[in-house]
């Protein structure tokens, strides 16, 4: 299950063994879509096995992850 907005993607991971691969692909896609480096993408655990990726705009409550 994936929900997308203009600046973010929320994704539910069904298979934890593919977590790194799926998150890396989502970071790459969001980075390309907004023509920004991967380091400008914030990844936030938003629920059980659910992650929200968004453009990092300096919000203190989001942690930037380089995948």
Protein backbone atom coordinates (compact mmCIF):
# COMPACT_ATOMS: atom_id res chain seq x y z
CA UNK A 1 0.00 0.00 0.00
CA UNK A 2 1.45 3.35 -1.07
CA UNK A 3 0.02 6.86 -0.76
CA UNK A 4 1.64 9.70 -2.69
CA UNK A 5 1.30 13.46 -2.54
CA UNK A 6 3.25 16.11 -4.42
CA UNK A 7 6.06 16.13 -1.82
CA UNK A 8 5.79 12.83 0.04
CA UNK A 9 5.25 9.08 -0.18
CA UNK A 10 3.82 6.88 2.59
CA UNK A 11 4.54 3.18 2.11
CA UNK A 12 3.53 0.07 4.08
CA UNK A 13 6.17 -2.67 4.07
CA UNK A 14 4.67 -6.12 3.88
CA UNK A 15 7.96 -8.03 3.74
CA UNK A 16 10.56 -6.71 6.20
CA UNK A 17 13.31 -8.60 4.38
CA UNK A 18 12.95 -6.16 1.47
CA UNK A 19 12.82 -3.03 3.66
CA UNK A 20 16.20 -1.60 2.61
CA UNK A 21 15.57 -2.22 -1.08
CA UNK A 22 12.06 -0.73 -1.03
CA UNK A 23 13.04 2.36 0.97
CA UNK A 24 16.08 2.93 -1.25
CA UNK A 25 13.90 2.76 -4.37
CA UNK A 26 11.37 5.19 -2.85
CA UNK A 27 14.12 7.64 -1.84
CA UNK A 28 15.57 7.43 -5.35
CA UNK A 29 12.20 8.01 -7.03
CA UNK A 30 11.34 11.00 -4.81
CA UNK A 31 14.83 12.43 -5.33
CA UNK A 32 14.54 12.17 -9.12
CA UNK A 33 11.00 13.54 -9.16
CA UNK A 34 12.10 16.68 -7.29
CA UNK A 35 15.59 16.91 -8.77
CA UNK A 36 17.17 16.95 -5.31
CA UNK A 37 19.95 14.89 -3.70
CA UNK A 38 18.98 11.83 -1.69
CA UNK A 39 20.30 13.59 1.40
CA UNK A 40 17.36 16.02 1.13
CA UNK A 41 14.83 13.21 1.63
CA UNK A 42 13.53 12.63 5.16
CA UNK A 43 12.35 9.17 6.25
CA UNK A 44 9.95 8.92 9.17
CA UNK A 45 8.47 5.78 10.74
CA UNK A 46 4.79 6.70 10.70
CA UNK A 47 3.28 3.45 11.96
CA UNK A 48 3.89 -0.28 12.25
CA UNK A 49 5.97 -1.20 9.17
CA UNK A 50 4.90 2.11 7.61
CA UNK A 51 7.28 4.85 6.51
CA UNK A 52 6.70 8.36 5.17
CA UNK A 53 9.35 9.86 2.92
CA UNK A 54 9.26 13.58 2.21
CA UNK A 55 11.38 16.48 1.11
CA UNK A 56 13.42 17.58 4.11
CA UNK A 57 12.60 21.23 4.60
CA UNK A 58 14.39 21.68 7.91
CA UNK A 59 11.69 20.21 10.13
CA UNK A 60 13.28 19.20 13.42
CA UNK A 61 10.97 16.21 13.97
CA UNK A 62 12.10 14.39 10.82
CA UNK A 63 15.36 12.49 10.62
CA UNK A 64 17.28 12.50 7.35
CA UNK A 65 18.50 9.07 6.32
CA UNK A 66 21.02 8.48 3.54
CA UNK A 67 20.27 5.10 2.00
